[in-house]
Amino acid sequence: ADESSGYESESAGGERAGAAAAGGTRGRQRRARTAFTSEQVCRLEKTFQRQKYLGATERRKLAAALHLSEIQIKTWFQNRRMKLKRQI
């Protein structure tokens, strides 16, 4: 069954060979990478400087303000915390 991720930039093309080879996702379509706008990144970075972890309410509000999904916000914060950890 086809599942929608909610990503606006989701790939509409066919299955990529790399997706089938990596992780055994044969038969499933790989999501396109989200291209955040500079305004979105700026707002995300400012929010991250204030608080490294967002609760459900803050995540919902930020997602609505930036026209992104809550999962995109959650993933961005997880990735940003890992980037900070690597820098330290």
C-alpha atoms as a PDB file:
ATOM      1  CA  ALA A   1       0.000   0.000   0.000  1.00  0.00           C
ATOM      2  CA  ASP A   2       1.262   3.460  -0.848  1.00  0.00           C
ATOM      3  CA  GLU A   3       1.898   5.647   2.163  1.00  0.00           C
ATOM      4  CA  SER A   4       2.161   9.411   2.032  1.00  0.00           C
ATOM      5  CA  SER A   5       4.803  11.019   4.200  1.00  0.00           C
ATOM      6  CA  GLY A   6       3.266  14.472   4.170  1.00  0.00           C
ATOM      7  CA  TYR A   7       6.382  15.908   2.559  1.00  0.00           C
ATOM      8  CA  GLU A   8       5.601  18.457  -0.136  1.00  0.00           C
ATOM      9  CA  SER A   9       8.859  17.597  -1.885  1.00  0.00           C
ATOM     10  CA  GLU A  10       8.156  13.874  -1.984  1.00  0.00           C
ATOM     11  CA  SER A  11       9.524  12.223  -5.083  1.00  0.00           C
ATOM     12  CA  ALA A  12       6.996  11.411  -7.782  1.00  0.00           C
ATOM     13  CA  GLY A  13       9.473   9.328  -9.806  1.00  0.00           C
ATOM     14  CA  GLY A  14      10.017   5.589  -9.796  1.00  0.00           C
ATOM     15  CA  GLU A  15      12.035   3.538  -7.332  1.00  0.00           C
ATOM     16  CA  ARG A  16      15.716   4.427  -7.120  1.00  0.00           C
ATOM     17  CA  ALA A  17      18.297   1.673  -7.302  1.00  0.00           C
ATOM     18  CA  GLY A  18      20.117   3.043  -4.242  1.00  0.00           C
ATOM     19  CA  ALA A  19      16.994   2.828  -2.099  1.00  0.00           C
ATOM     20  CA  ALA A  20      16.499  -0.844  -2.951  1.00  0.00           C
ATOM     21  CA  ALA A  21      20.146  -1.681  -2.269  1.00  0.00           C
ATOM     22  CA  ALA A  22      20.420   0.186   1.035  1.00  0.00           C
ATOM     23  CA  GLY A  23      18.332  -1.247   3.829  1.00  0.00           C
ATOM     24  CA  GLY A  24      16.171  -3.619   1.808  1.00  0.00           C
ATOM     25  CA  THR A  25      13.463  -1.101   0.907  1.00  0.00           C
ATOM     26  CA  ARG A  26      12.662  -2.992  -2.299  1.00  0.00           C
ATOM     27  CA  GLY A  27       9.274  -2.015  -3.684  1.00  0.00           C
ATOM     28  CA  ARG A  28       9.042   1.185  -1.644  1.00  0.00           C
ATOM     29  CA  GLN A  29       9.683   4.655  -2.924  1.00  0.00           C
ATOM     30  CA  ARG A  30      12.414   6.699  -1.274  1.00  0.00           C
ATOM     31  CA  ARG A  31      11.427  10.148  -0.012  1.00  0.00           C
ATOM     32  CA  ALA A  32      13.029  13.178  -1.587  1.00  0.00           C
ATOM     33  CA  ARG A  33      15.174  15.291   0.700  1.00  0.00           C
ATOM     34  CA  THR A  34      13.316  18.312   2.059  1.00  0.00           C
ATOM     35  CA  ALA A  35      14.715  21.599   0.801  1.00  0.00           C
ATOM     36  CA  PHE A  36      14.215  24.075   3.633  1.00  0.00           C
ATOM     37  CA  THR A  37      14.046  27.744   2.700  1.00  0.00           C
ATOM     38  CA  SER A  38      16.554  30.131   4.252  1.00  0.00           C
ATOM     39  CA  GLU A  39      13.727  31.689   6.294  1.00  0.00           C
ATOM     40  CA  GLN A  40      12.735  28.287   7.671  1.00  0.00           C
ATOM     41  CA  VAL A  41      16.338  27.422   8.576  1.00  0.00           C
ATOM     42  CA  CYS A  42      16.825  30.801  10.241  1.00  0.00           C
ATOM     43  CA  ARG A  43      13.693  30.342  12.369  1.00  0.00           C
ATOM     44  CA  LEU A  44      14.642  26.748  13.228  1.00  0.00           C
ATOM     45  CA  GLU A  45      18.167  27.809  14.263  1.00  0.00           C
ATOM     46  CA  LYS A  46      16.853  30.656  16.435  1.00  0.00           C
ATOM     47  CA  THR A  47      14.431  28.284  18.135  1.00  0.00           C
ATOM     48  CA  PHE A  48      17.215  25.732  18.605  1.00  0.00           C
ATOM     49  CA  GLN A  49      19.433  28.343  20.297  1.00  0.00           C
ATOM     50  CA  ARG A  50      16.677  28.948  22.875  1.00  0.00           C
ATOM     51  CA  GLN A  51      15.749  25.314  23.458  1.00  0.00           C
ATOM     52  CA  LYS A  52      17.373  22.120  22.229  1.00  0.00           C
ATOM     53  CA  TYR A  53      14.236  20.010  22.718  1.00  0.00           C
ATOM     54  CA  LEU A  54      10.687  20.904  21.693  1.00  0.00           C
ATOM     55  CA  GLY A  55       7.551  19.639  23.346  1.00  0.00           C
ATOM     56  CA  ALA A  56       4.536  18.589  21.300  1.00  0.00           C
ATOM     57  CA  THR A  57       2.845  21.981  21.617  1.00  0.00           C
ATOM     58  CA  GLU A  58       5.917  23.973  20.563  1.00  0.00           C
ATOM     59  CA  ARG A  59       6.575  21.554  17.690  1.00  0.00           C
ATOM     60  CA  ARG A  60       2.973  21.863  16.475  1.00  0.00           C
ATOM     61  CA  LYS A  61       3.078  25.685  16.576  1.00  0.00           C
ATOM     62  CA  LEU A  62       6.443  25.865  14.816  1.00  0.00           C
ATOM     63  CA  ALA A  63       5.318  23.400  12.132  1.00  0.00           C
ATOM     64  CA  ALA A  64       2.212  25.465  11.433  1.00  0.00           C
ATOM     65  CA  ALA A  65       4.180  28.731  11.334  1.00  0.00           C
ATOM     66  CA  LEU A  66       6.781  27.323   8.917  1.00  0.00           C
ATOM     67  CA  HIS A  67       4.331  25.301   6.792  1.00  0.00           C
ATOM     68  CA  LEU A  68       6.172  22.060   7.578  1.00  0.00           C
ATOM     69  CA  SER A  69       5.016  18.786   9.091  1.00  0.00           C
ATOM     70  CA  GLU A  70       5.645  18.004  12.750  1.00  0.00           C
ATOM     71  CA  ILE A  71       7.796  15.060  11.653  1.00  0.00           C
ATOM     72  CA  GLN A  72       9.993  17.399   9.598  1.00  0.00           C
ATOM     73  CA  ILE A  73      10.455  19.644  12.649  1.00  0.00           C
ATOM     74  CA  LYS A  74      11.197  16.677  14.900  1.00  0.00           C
ATOM     75  CA  THR A  75      13.727  15.250  12.438  1.00  0.00           C
ATOM     76  CA  TRP A  76      15.399  18.630  11.925  1.00  0.00           C
ATOM     77  CA  PHE A  77      15.878  19.026  15.700  1.00  0.00           C
ATOM     78  CA  GLN A  78      17.231  15.472  16.026  1.00  0.00           C
ATOM     79  CA  ASN A  79      19.709  16.099  13.219  1.00  0.00           C
ATOM     80  CA  ARG A  80      20.699  19.486  14.649  1.00  0.00           C
ATOM     81  CA  ARG A  81      21.377  17.976  18.083  1.00  0.00           C
ATOM     82  CA  MET A  82      23.583  15.336  16.449  1.00  0.00           C
ATOM     83  CA  LYS A  83      25.453  18.068  14.535  1.00  0.00           C
ATOM     84  CA  LEU A  84      26.032  19.931  17.823  1.00  0.00           C
ATOM     85  CA  LYS A  85      27.261  16.729  19.457  1.00  0.00           C
ATOM     86  CA  ARG A  86      29.765  16.140  16.628  1.00  0.00           C
ATOM     87  CA  GLN A  87      31.037  19.722  16.936  1.00  0.00           C
ATOM     88  CA  ILE A  88      31.664  19.377  20.665  1.00  0.00           C
END
